[in-house]
Amino acid sequence: MNRVVHPIEEESYRRLRARLDTSHFPPLTRAVVERVIHSAADLDYATDLVMDEADLAKAHAALHAGAPVVVDVAMVGAGITRRETVCRLGDAEAGPGLTRSAHAIRLAHKQVGPGALWVIGNAPTALEELLTLDADPALVIGLPVGFVGAVESKAALRESGLPAVSNVSEKGGSAVAAAALNALLYHPTSAEEKL
């Protein structure tokens, strides 16, 4: 199903592309970079984001085949359009050495099993916990924000070898994490491109 783009969004992308040449990026990488920049009005994401086109292609296929989408907080889920998400933060409890966010990731992992797309935009501890599990993800969008643990958790994600979208700086957050997933949702499948 093709998405109808509002004229304001079209103009926003026109202005973004007038200020930043993204034509050298492969298609899915370009889609993620542009949508993240659009969500934050921050051109620096063009050099801050880290991802691999082959990983994005596999994740795009999994997403459009119905793979579950897990989010760390409801705000990330609220930003993801046209798709149901799993968020277990409301069921989670903190304990000794365990944040609510980390517990929520454990609960979600038990619920969805392998092959999910994980979208973490808030809590570095959620990303850290995910890296301890045998989640076998289709993709991890690890864009938690903050001055404590965010950079380190994203570096650990990149070092893990898991298919991922992350960034190098402290920046991130719910809006950009949702935007990265939406970029894959909105990008047409080969069947849609033939229509």
N, C-alpha and C. Protein backbone atom coordinates (compact mmCIF):
# COMPACT_ATOMS: atom_id res chain seq x y z
N MET A 1 0.84 -1.17 0.00
CA MET A 1 0.00 0.00 0.00
C MET A 1 0.89 1.24 0.00
N ASN A 2 0.72 2.08 -1.01
CA ASN A 2 1.51 3.30 -1.09
C ASN A 2 1.02 4.33 -0.08
N ARG A 3 1.95 5.04 0.48
CA ARG A 3 1.66 6.05 1.48
C ARG A 3 1.47 7.40 0.81
N VAL A 4 0.45 8.12 1.23
CA VAL A 4 0.20 9.46 0.71
C VAL A 4 1.05 10.43 1.52
N VAL A 5 1.88 11.19 0.83
CA VAL A 5 2.79 12.13 1.48
C VAL A 5 2.17 13.52 1.46
N HIS A 6 2.11 14.15 2.62
CA HIS A 6 1.55 15.49 2.75
C HIS A 6 2.48 16.51 2.08
N PRO A 7 1.94 17.56 1.48
CA PRO A 7 2.77 18.58 0.83
C PRO A 7 3.81 19.22 1.77
N ILE A 8 3.50 19.35 3.05
CA ILE A 8 4.48 19.92 3.99
C ILE A 8 5.69 18.98 4.11
N GLU A 9 5.42 17.68 4.17
CA GLU A 9 6.53 16.73 4.23
C GLU A 9 7.35 16.77 2.95
N GLU A 10 6.69 16.85 1.80
CA GLU A 10 7.41 16.95 0.53
C GLU A 10 8.32 18.17 0.51
N GLU A 11 7.81 19.30 0.97
CA GLU A 11 8.62 20.52 1.00
C GLU A 11 9.76 20.40 1.99
N SER A 12 9.52 19.76 3.11
CA SER A 12 10.57 19.57 4.11
C SER A 12 11.72 18.75 3.53
N TYR A 13 11.38 17.68 2.81
CA TYR A 13 12.42 16.86 2.18
C TYR A 13 13.14 17.62 1.07
N ARG A 14 12.42 18.44 0.33
CA ARG A 14 13.05 19.25 -0.71
C ARG A 14 14.09 20.17 -0.09
N ARG A 15 13.73 20.81 1.01
CA ARG A 15 14.67 21.71 1.68
C ARG A 15 15.85 20.95 2.29
N LEU A 16 15.57 19.79 2.87
CA LEU A 16 16.65 18.97 3.42
C LEU A 16 17.65 18.64 2.32
N ARG A 17 17.15 18.18 1.17
CA ARG A 17 18.04 17.78 0.07
C ARG A 17 18.75 18.97 -0.57
N ALA A 18 18.17 20.16 -0.44
CA ALA A 18 18.85 21.36 -0.94
C ALA A 18 20.04 21.72 -0.05
N ARG A 19 19.96 21.35 1.21
CA ARG A 19 21.04 21.65 2.16
C ARG A 19 22.05 20.53 2.31
N LEU A 20 21.65 19.30 1.95
CA LEU A 20 22.52 18.15 2.15
C LEU A 20 22.34 17.16 1.01
N ASP A 21 23.44 16.83 0.33
CA ASP A 21 23.38 15.85 -0.75
C ASP A 21 23.42 14.45 -0.14
N THR A 22 22.33 13.73 -0.28
CA THR A 22 22.25 12.36 0.23
C THR A 22 22.26 11.33 -0.90
N SER A 23 22.48 11.79 -2.12
CA SER A 23 22.36 10.91 -3.28
C SER A 23 23.42 9.81 -3.32
N HIS A 24 24.52 9.97 -2.59
CA HIS A 24 25.58 8.97 -2.59
C HIS A 24 25.26 7.77 -1.70
N PHE A 25 24.25 7.89 -0.83
CA PHE A 25 23.89 6.77 0.03
C PHE A 25 23.12 5.72 -0.75
N PRO A 26 23.30 4.42 -0.42
CA PRO A 26 22.43 3.39 -1.01
C PRO A 26 20.98 3.63 -0.59
N PRO A 27 20.01 3.05 -1.31
CA PRO A 27 18.60 3.42 -1.12
C PRO A 27 18.05 3.34 0.31
N LEU A 28 18.23 2.22 0.99
CA LEU A 28 17.67 2.10 2.34
C LEU A 28 18.44 2.96 3.34
N THR A 29 19.74 3.03 3.20
CA THR A 29 20.53 3.90 4.06
C THR A 29 20.08 5.34 3.88
N ARG A 30 19.90 5.75 2.63
CA ARG A 30 19.44 7.11 2.35
C ARG A 30 18.07 7.36 3.00
N ALA A 31 17.18 6.37 2.89
CA ALA A 31 15.85 6.53 3.48
C ALA A 31 15.94 6.73 4.99
N VAL A 32 16.79 5.94 5.66
CA VAL A 32 16.94 6.06 7.12
C VAL A 32 17.59 7.40 7.47
N VAL A 33 18.67 7.74 6.81
CA VAL A 33 19.37 9.00 7.10
C VAL A 33 18.41 10.18 6.93
N GLU A 34 17.71 10.23 5.81
CA GLU A 34 16.82 11.37 5.56
C GLU A 34 15.66 11.43 6.56
N ARG A 35 15.07 10.28 6.89
CA ARG A 35 13.93 10.32 7.81
C ARG A 35 14.38 10.70 9.21
N VAL A 36 15.54 10.23 9.64
CA VAL A 36 16.07 10.61 10.96
C VAL A 36 16.37 12.11 10.98
N ILE A 37 17.03 12.61 9.94
CA ILE A 37 17.32 14.05 9.87
C ILE A 37 16.02 14.84 9.87
N HIS A 38 15.06 14.38 9.09
CA HIS A 38 13.76 15.06 9.03
C HIS A 38 13.09 15.11 10.40
N SER A 39 13.19 14.03 11.17
CA SER A 39 12.51 13.97 12.47
C SER A 39 13.16 14.89 13.51
N ALA A 40 14.45 15.16 13.35
CA ALA A 40 15.18 15.94 14.36
C ALA A 40 15.64 17.30 13.85
N ALA A 41 15.48 17.57 12.55
CA ALA A 41 16.00 18.79 11.93
C ALA A 41 17.49 18.96 12.27
N ASP A 42 18.21 17.83 12.19
CA ASP A 42 19.62 17.82 12.58
C ASP A 42 20.43 17.15 11.48
N LEU A 43 21.10 17.96 10.66
CA LEU A 43 21.87 17.45 9.53
C LEU A 43 23.08 16.63 9.96
N ASP A 44 23.53 16.79 11.19
CA ASP A 44 24.69 16.05 11.66
C ASP A 44 24.47 14.54 11.68
N TYR A 45 23.22 14.10 11.69
CA TYR A 45 22.96 12.66 11.66
C TYR A 45 23.52 12.01 10.40
N ALA A 46 23.73 12.77 9.34
CA ALA A 46 24.27 12.21 8.09
C ALA A 46 25.64 11.57 8.31
N THR A 47 26.41 12.10 9.25
CA THR A 47 27.73 11.54 9.54
C THR A 47 27.77 10.81 10.88
N ASP A 48 26.74 10.94 11.68
CA ASP A 48 26.69 10.32 13.01
C ASP A 48 26.11 8.91 12.99
N LEU A 49 25.21 8.63 12.05
CA LEU A 49 24.56 7.33 11.98
C LEU A 49 25.51 6.26 11.42
N VAL A 50 25.34 5.04 11.92
CA VAL A 50 26.14 3.89 11.47
C VAL A 50 25.17 2.77 11.12
N MET A 51 25.27 2.26 9.88
CA MET A 51 24.41 1.15 9.45
C MET A 51 25.01 0.51 8.21
N ASP A 52 24.48 -0.65 7.84
CA ASP A 52 24.94 -1.40 6.69
C ASP A 52 23.75 -1.67 5.77
N GLU A 53 23.90 -1.38 4.50
CA GLU A 53 22.79 -1.53 3.54
C GLU A 53 22.30 -2.97 3.47
N ALA A 54 23.20 -3.94 3.51
CA ALA A 54 22.77 -5.35 3.44
C ALA A 54 21.93 -5.72 4.66
N ASP A 55 22.31 -5.23 5.83
CA ASP A 55 21.51 -5.48 7.03
C ASP A 55 20.14 -4.84 6.90
N LEU A 56 20.11 -3.63 6.37
CA LEU A 56 18.83 -2.93 6.19
C LEU A 56 17.93 -3.67 5.21
N ALA A 57 18.51 -4.22 4.16
CA ALA A 57 17.71 -4.96 3.18
C ALA A 57 17.07 -6.19 3.80
N LYS A 58 17.82 -6.92 4.61
CA LYS A 58 17.27 -8.09 5.29
C LYS A 58 16.18 -7.68 6.28
N ALA A 59 16.43 -6.59 7.02
CA ALA A 59 15.44 -6.10 7.99
C ALA A 59 14.18 -5.61 7.29
N HIS A 60 14.35 -4.94 6.16
CA HIS A 60 13.21 -4.45 5.37
C HIS A 60 12.34 -5.62 4.94
N ALA A 61 12.97 -6.68 4.47
CA ALA A 61 12.22 -7.88 4.05
C ALA A 61 11.50 -8.50 5.24
N ALA A 62 12.20 -8.62 6.37
CA ALA A 62 11.58 -9.22 7.56
C ALA A 62 10.41 -8.37 8.05
N LEU A 63 10.59 -7.07 8.06
CA LEU A 63 9.53 -6.16 8.51
C LEU A 63 8.29 -6.30 7.64
N HIS A 64 8.49 -6.32 6.33
CA HIS A 64 7.35 -6.41 5.41
C HIS A 64 6.77 -7.81 5.34
N ALA A 65 7.49 -8.79 5.89
CA ALA A 65 6.95 -10.15 5.98
C ALA A 65 6.22 -10.37 7.30
N GLY A 66 6.18 -9.33 8.16
CA GLY A 66 5.40 -9.41 9.39
C GLY A 66 6.18 -9.66 10.66
N ALA A 67 7.50 -9.51 10.63
CA ALA A 67 8.29 -9.70 11.86
C ALA A 67 7.81 -8.73 12.93
N PRO A 68 7.79 -9.17 14.19
CA PRO A 68 7.35 -8.29 15.27
C PRO A 68 8.31 -7.11 15.46
N VAL A 69 7.75 -6.01 15.95
CA VAL A 69 8.52 -4.81 16.26
C VAL A 69 8.40 -4.56 17.76
N VAL A 70 9.55 -4.54 18.44
CA VAL A 70 9.58 -4.32 19.88
C VAL A 70 10.18 -2.95 20.14
N VAL A 71 9.56 -2.19 21.04
CA VAL A 71 10.06 -0.87 21.41
C VAL A 71 10.35 -0.83 22.90
N ASP A 72 11.28 0.06 23.27
CA ASP A 72 11.62 0.13 24.70
C ASP A 72 10.64 0.96 25.49
N VAL A 73 10.03 1.95 24.88
CA VAL A 73 9.06 2.81 25.57
C VAL A 73 7.87 3.09 24.66
N ALA A 74 6.74 3.41 25.26
CA ALA A 74 5.52 3.68 24.49
C ALA A 74 5.69 4.85 23.54
N MET A 75 6.53 5.80 23.89
CA MET A 75 6.73 6.96 23.03
C MET A 75 7.34 6.56 21.69
N VAL A 76 8.25 5.59 21.69
CA VAL A 76 8.80 5.09 20.43
C VAL A 76 7.67 4.43 19.64
N GLY A 77 6.88 3.61 20.31
CA GLY A 77 5.76 2.95 19.64
C GLY A 77 4.76 3.94 19.06
N ALA A 78 4.52 5.03 19.78
CA ALA A 78 3.58 6.04 19.29
C ALA A 78 4.07 6.69 18.00
N GLY A 79 5.38 6.75 17.82
CA GLY A 79 5.94 7.35 16.62
C GLY A 79 6.00 6.43 15.42
N ILE A 80 5.79 5.14 15.66
CA ILE A 80 5.83 4.17 14.56
C ILE A 80 4.42 4.06 14.00
N THR A 81 4.28 4.43 12.75
CA THR A 81 2.96 4.46 12.13
C THR A 81 2.77 3.20 11.29
N ARG A 82 1.53 2.84 11.11
CA ARG A 82 1.17 1.71 10.24
C ARG A 82 1.69 0.38 10.74
N ARG A 83 1.98 0.25 12.04
CA ARG A 83 2.45 -1.04 12.54
C ARG A 83 2.23 -1.15 14.03
N GLU A 84 1.73 -2.28 14.47
CA GLU A 84 1.61 -2.57 15.90
C GLU A 84 3.00 -2.85 16.46
N THR A 85 3.19 -2.46 17.72
CA THR A 85 4.48 -2.72 18.37
C THR A 85 4.25 -3.41 19.71
N VAL A 86 5.31 -4.02 20.21
CA VAL A 86 5.30 -4.66 21.52
C VAL A 86 6.11 -3.78 22.46
N CYS A 87 5.51 -3.38 23.56
CA CYS A 87 6.21 -2.63 24.61
C CYS A 87 5.78 -3.21 25.95
N ARG A 88 6.72 -3.72 26.71
CA ARG A 88 6.39 -4.37 27.96
C ARG A 88 6.79 -3.53 29.18
N LEU A 89 7.10 -2.26 28.99
CA LEU A 89 7.54 -1.42 30.10
C LEU A 89 6.48 -1.33 31.19
N GLY A 90 5.21 -1.32 30.82
CA GLY A 90 4.14 -1.24 31.80
C GLY A 90 4.05 -2.46 32.70
N ASP A 91 4.59 -3.59 32.25
CA ASP A 91 4.57 -4.83 33.02
C ASP A 91 5.85 -5.06 33.81
N ALA A 92 6.85 -4.22 33.57
CA ALA A 92 8.18 -4.46 34.13
C ALA A 92 8.33 -3.87 35.53
N GLU A 93 9.27 -4.46 36.26
CA GLU A 93 9.59 -3.98 37.60
C GLU A 93 11.10 -3.87 37.74
N ALA A 94 11.53 -2.86 38.45
CA ALA A 94 12.95 -2.73 38.75
C ALA A 94 13.31 -3.66 39.90
N GLY A 95 14.54 -4.08 39.92
CA GLY A 95 15.03 -4.93 41.00
C GLY A 95 16.50 -4.66 41.21
N PRO A 96 17.12 -5.36 42.13
CA PRO A 96 18.55 -5.14 42.36
C PRO A 96 19.35 -5.38 41.07
N GLY A 97 20.04 -4.35 40.62
CA GLY A 97 20.85 -4.46 39.42
C GLY A 97 20.07 -4.55 38.12
N LEU A 98 18.77 -4.26 38.16
CA LEU A 98 17.94 -4.38 36.97
C LEU A 98 16.97 -3.20 36.90
N THR A 99 17.07 -2.42 35.83
CA THR A 99 16.12 -1.31 35.65
C THR A 99 14.81 -1.84 35.08
N ARG A 100 13.77 -1.04 35.18
CA ARG A 100 12.49 -1.41 34.57
C ARG A 100 12.66 -1.62 33.06
N SER A 101 13.45 -0.74 32.44
CA SER A 101 13.66 -0.85 30.99
C SER A 101 14.31 -2.17 30.62
N ALA A 102 15.31 -2.59 31.39
CA ALA A 102 15.97 -3.86 31.12
C ALA A 102 15.01 -5.03 31.34
N HIS A 103 14.21 -4.96 32.41
CA HIS A 103 13.24 -6.03 32.67
C HIS A 103 12.21 -6.10 31.55
N ALA A 104 11.80 -4.95 31.03
CA ALA A 104 10.83 -4.92 29.94
C ALA A 104 11.39 -5.62 28.70
N ILE A 105 12.67 -5.45 28.45
CA ILE A 105 13.30 -6.12 27.30
C ILE A 105 13.28 -7.64 27.51
N ARG A 106 13.56 -8.09 28.73
CA ARG A 106 13.49 -9.53 29.02
C ARG A 106 12.08 -10.07 28.75
N LEU A 107 11.08 -9.33 29.22
CA LEU A 107 9.69 -9.76 29.03
C LEU A 107 9.33 -9.81 27.55
N ALA A 108 9.75 -8.80 26.81
CA ALA A 108 9.45 -8.75 25.37
C ALA A 108 10.14 -9.88 24.64
N HIS A 109 11.37 -10.18 25.03
CA HIS A 109 12.10 -11.27 24.39
C HIS A 109 11.37 -12.60 24.58
N LYS A 110 10.88 -12.83 25.79
CA LYS A 110 10.11 -14.06 26.04
C LYS A 110 8.85 -14.11 25.17
N GLN A 111 8.26 -12.95 24.92
CA GLN A 111 7.02 -12.88 24.15
C GLN A 111 7.25 -13.09 22.66
N VAL A 112 8.26 -12.44 22.08
CA VAL A 112 8.39 -12.44 20.62
C VAL A 112 9.39 -13.44 20.07
N GLY A 113 10.36 -13.85 20.87
CA GLY A 113 11.36 -14.79 20.37
C GLY A 113 12.29 -14.18 19.34
N PRO A 114 12.93 -15.04 18.53
CA PRO A 114 13.91 -14.55 17.56
C PRO A 114 13.27 -13.89 16.35
N GLY A 115 14.09 -13.09 15.65
CA GLY A 115 13.66 -12.52 14.38
C GLY A 115 12.92 -11.21 14.43
N ALA A 116 12.80 -10.60 15.60
CA ALA A 116 12.09 -9.33 15.73
C ALA A 116 12.98 -8.15 15.34
N LEU A 117 12.35 -7.03 15.12
CA LEU A 117 13.06 -5.76 14.98
C LEU A 117 12.91 -5.04 16.31
N TRP A 118 14.02 -4.64 16.90
CA TRP A 118 14.06 -4.00 18.20
C TRP A 118 14.38 -2.53 18.01
N VAL A 119 13.55 -1.65 18.58
CA VAL A 119 13.71 -0.21 18.39
C VAL A 119 13.86 0.43 19.77
N ILE A 120 15.08 0.85 20.08
CA ILE A 120 15.40 1.38 21.40
C ILE A 120 15.84 2.83 21.24
N GLY A 121 15.03 3.74 21.75
CA GLY A 121 15.31 5.16 21.59
C GLY A 121 15.41 5.91 22.89
N ASN A 122 15.25 5.23 24.00
CA ASN A 122 15.22 5.93 25.27
C ASN A 122 16.28 5.45 26.25
N ALA A 123 16.26 4.18 26.57
CA ALA A 123 17.03 3.68 27.71
C ALA A 123 18.26 2.89 27.29
N PRO A 124 19.46 3.41 27.60
CA PRO A 124 20.67 2.62 27.35
C PRO A 124 20.63 1.25 28.04
N THR A 125 20.00 1.17 29.22
CA THR A 125 19.95 -0.12 29.91
C THR A 125 19.11 -1.14 29.15
N ALA A 126 18.13 -0.67 28.38
CA ALA A 126 17.34 -1.58 27.55
C ALA A 126 18.23 -2.18 26.46
N LEU A 127 19.04 -1.35 25.84
CA LEU A 127 19.95 -1.83 24.80
C LEU A 127 20.99 -2.77 25.40
N GLU A 128 21.53 -2.41 26.54
CA GLU A 128 22.51 -3.27 27.21
C GLU A 128 21.91 -4.64 27.51
N GLU A 129 20.66 -4.67 28.00
CA GLU A 129 20.01 -5.94 28.31
C GLU A 129 19.78 -6.77 27.06
N LEU A 130 19.36 -6.14 25.99
CA LEU A 130 19.13 -6.85 24.74
C LEU A 130 20.40 -7.57 24.29
N LEU A 131 21.53 -6.93 24.48
CA LEU A 131 22.80 -7.52 24.06
C LEU A 131 23.20 -8.75 24.88
N THR A 132 22.56 -8.95 26.03
CA THR A 132 22.86 -10.14 26.84
C THR A 132 21.97 -11.32 26.47
N LEU A 133 20.94 -11.08 25.67
CA LEU A 133 19.97 -12.12 25.33
C LEU A 133 20.30 -12.76 23.98
N ASP A 134 19.81 -13.94 23.78
CA ASP A 134 19.96 -14.62 22.49
C ASP A 134 18.76 -14.25 21.62
N ALA A 135 18.68 -12.98 21.25
CA ALA A 135 17.50 -12.48 20.57
C ALA A 135 17.47 -12.78 19.07
N ASP A 136 18.62 -13.01 18.46
CA ASP A 136 18.71 -13.25 17.02
C ASP A 136 17.80 -12.27 16.26
N PRO A 137 18.07 -10.96 16.40
CA PRO A 137 17.18 -9.96 15.83
C PRO A 137 17.31 -9.83 14.32
N ALA A 138 16.23 -9.41 13.67
CA ALA A 138 16.30 -9.02 12.26
C ALA A 138 17.07 -7.70 12.16
N LEU A 139 16.90 -6.84 13.17
CA LEU A 139 17.60 -5.56 13.23
C LEU A 139 17.43 -4.99 14.62
N VAL A 140 18.46 -4.29 15.09
CA VAL A 140 18.36 -3.51 16.32
C VAL A 140 18.58 -2.05 15.94
N ILE A 141 17.57 -1.25 16.14
CA ILE A 141 17.73 0.20 16.00
C ILE A 141 18.04 0.69 17.41
N GLY A 142 19.31 0.94 17.64
CA GLY A 142 19.78 1.34 18.96
C GLY A 142 20.17 2.80 18.96
N LEU A 143 19.23 3.65 19.32
CA LEU A 143 19.45 5.09 19.33
C LEU A 143 19.04 5.72 20.67
N PRO A 144 19.43 5.11 21.80
CA PRO A 144 19.11 5.74 23.07
C PRO A 144 19.85 7.06 23.22
N VAL A 145 19.26 7.95 23.97
CA VAL A 145 19.78 9.31 24.12
C VAL A 145 20.30 9.50 25.54
N GLY A 146 21.30 10.33 25.70
CA GLY A 146 21.70 10.70 27.05
C GLY A 146 23.20 10.78 27.25
N PHE A 147 23.56 11.30 28.41
CA PHE A 147 24.96 11.49 28.76
C PHE A 147 25.51 10.32 29.59
N VAL A 148 24.63 9.45 30.07
CA VAL A 148 25.07 8.32 30.88
C VAL A 148 24.70 7.02 30.18
N GLY A 149 25.69 6.34 29.66
CA GLY A 149 25.47 5.02 29.09
C GLY A 149 25.06 4.97 27.63
N ALA A 150 24.60 6.06 27.06
CA ALA A 150 24.10 6.00 25.68
C ALA A 150 25.22 5.69 24.69
N VAL A 151 26.30 6.45 24.74
CA VAL A 151 27.42 6.23 23.82
C VAL A 151 27.98 4.83 23.99
N GLU A 152 28.15 4.42 25.24
CA GLU A 152 28.73 3.11 25.53
C GLU A 152 27.84 1.97 25.05
N SER A 153 26.53 2.09 25.26
CA SER A 153 25.63 1.02 24.84
C SER A 153 25.58 0.91 23.32
N LYS A 154 25.65 2.04 22.63
CA LYS A 154 25.64 2.02 21.17
C LYS A 154 26.96 1.46 20.62
N ALA A 155 28.06 1.77 21.27
CA ALA A 155 29.34 1.19 20.87
C ALA A 155 29.31 -0.33 21.06
N ALA A 156 28.74 -0.77 22.17
CA ALA A 156 28.63 -2.22 22.43
C ALA A 156 27.75 -2.89 21.37
N LEU A 157 26.69 -2.22 20.94
CA LEU A 157 25.84 -2.75 19.88
C LEU A 157 26.65 -2.94 18.60
N ARG A 158 27.40 -1.92 18.22
CA ARG A 158 28.21 -2.03 16.99
C ARG A 158 29.25 -3.14 17.11
N GLU A 159 29.84 -3.27 18.29
CA GLU A 159 30.87 -4.30 18.50
C GLU A 159 30.27 -5.71 18.53
N SER A 160 28.97 -5.82 18.81
CA SER A 160 28.32 -7.13 18.92
C SER A 160 28.22 -7.86 17.58
N GLY A 161 28.27 -7.12 16.50
CA GLY A 161 28.11 -7.74 15.19
C GLY A 161 26.66 -7.97 14.78
N LEU A 162 25.71 -7.60 15.64
CA LEU A 162 24.30 -7.73 15.29
C LEU A 162 23.94 -6.74 14.20
N PRO A 163 22.96 -7.06 13.35
CA PRO A 163 22.51 -6.08 12.35
C PRO A 163 21.90 -4.89 13.08
N ALA A 164 22.38 -3.69 12.75
CA ALA A 164 21.99 -2.56 13.59
C ALA A 164 22.00 -1.24 12.85
N VAL A 165 21.22 -0.32 13.42
CA VAL A 165 21.31 1.10 13.13
C VAL A 165 21.66 1.75 14.46
N SER A 166 22.74 2.50 14.50
CA SER A 166 23.12 3.21 15.72
C SER A 166 23.73 4.54 15.32
N ASN A 167 24.21 5.25 16.31
CA ASN A 167 24.96 6.47 16.05
C ASN A 167 26.07 6.59 17.08
N VAL A 168 27.01 7.45 16.79
CA VAL A 168 28.22 7.55 17.59
C VAL A 168 28.06 8.48 18.79
N SER A 169 27.27 9.52 18.65
CA SER A 169 27.17 10.55 19.69
C SER A 169 26.13 10.22 20.76
N GLU A 170 25.97 11.16 21.70
CA GLU A 170 24.96 11.03 22.76
C GLU A 170 23.55 11.22 22.24
N LYS A 171 23.43 11.80 21.04
CA LYS A 171 22.11 12.10 20.48
C LYS A 171 21.32 10.83 20.22
N GLY A 172 20.04 10.99 20.13
CA GLY A 172 19.14 9.89 19.84
C GLY A 172 17.77 10.27 20.34
N GLY A 173 17.02 9.30 20.78
CA GLY A 173 15.71 9.56 21.36
C GLY A 173 14.59 8.85 20.64
N SER A 174 13.42 8.97 21.22
CA SER A 174 12.25 8.26 20.72
C SER A 174 11.91 8.64 19.29
N ALA A 175 11.93 9.94 18.99
CA ALA A 175 11.53 10.39 17.65
C ALA A 175 12.46 9.85 16.57
N VAL A 176 13.78 9.90 16.82
CA VAL A 176 14.70 9.44 15.78
C VAL A 176 14.68 7.92 15.65
N ALA A 177 14.51 7.20 16.76
CA ALA A 177 14.42 5.75 16.69
C ALA A 177 13.19 5.32 15.90
N ALA A 178 12.05 5.95 16.18
CA ALA A 178 10.83 5.66 15.43
C ALA A 178 11.01 6.03 13.96
N ALA A 179 11.68 7.14 13.69
CA ALA A 179 11.89 7.57 12.31
C ALA A 179 12.70 6.54 11.53
N ALA A 180 13.72 5.96 12.16
CA ALA A 180 14.54 4.96 11.48
C ALA A 180 13.70 3.74 11.09
N LEU A 181 12.82 3.32 11.98
CA LEU A 181 11.95 2.18 11.66
C LEU A 181 10.94 2.58 10.59
N ASN A 182 10.36 3.77 10.71
CA ASN A 182 9.40 4.23 9.71
C ASN A 182 10.02 4.30 8.32
N ALA A 183 11.30 4.66 8.25
CA ALA A 183 11.97 4.71 6.95
C ALA A 183 11.89 3.35 6.26
N LEU A 184 12.08 2.28 7.02
CA LEU A 184 11.99 0.93 6.46
C LEU A 184 10.55 0.56 6.14
N LEU A 185 9.62 1.00 6.98
CA LEU A 185 8.20 0.74 6.72
C LEU A 185 7.73 1.43 5.45
N TYR A 186 8.14 2.68 5.26
CA TYR A 186 7.67 3.48 4.13
C TYR A 186 8.36 3.12 2.83
N HIS A 187 9.57 2.58 2.91
CA HIS A 187 10.30 2.25 1.69
C HIS A 187 9.57 1.12 0.98
N PRO A 188 9.28 1.29 -0.31
CA PRO A 188 8.48 0.27 -1.00
C PRO A 188 9.21 -1.07 -1.11
N THR A 189 8.42 -2.12 -1.13
CA THR A 189 8.95 -3.45 -1.44
C THR A 189 9.07 -3.56 -2.95
N SER A 190 9.77 -4.56 -3.43
CA SER A 190 9.92 -4.72 -4.88
C SER A 190 8.56 -4.93 -5.54
N ALA A 191 7.63 -5.60 -4.86
CA ALA A 191 6.28 -5.78 -5.41
C ALA A 191 5.56 -4.45 -5.55
N GLU A 192 5.72 -3.57 -4.55
CA GLU A 192 5.08 -2.25 -4.61
C GLU A 192 5.70 -1.38 -5.68
N GLU A 193 7.02 -1.52 -5.89
CA GLU A 193 7.68 -0.71 -6.91
C GLU A 193 7.19 -1.05 -8.31
N LYS A 194 6.72 -2.29 -8.51
CA LYS A 194 6.24 -2.73 -9.82
C LYS A 194 4.84 -2.21 -10.13
N LEU A 195 4.12 -1.75 -9.09
CA LEU A 195 2.76 -1.26 -9.30
C LEU A 195 2.75 0.07 -10.01
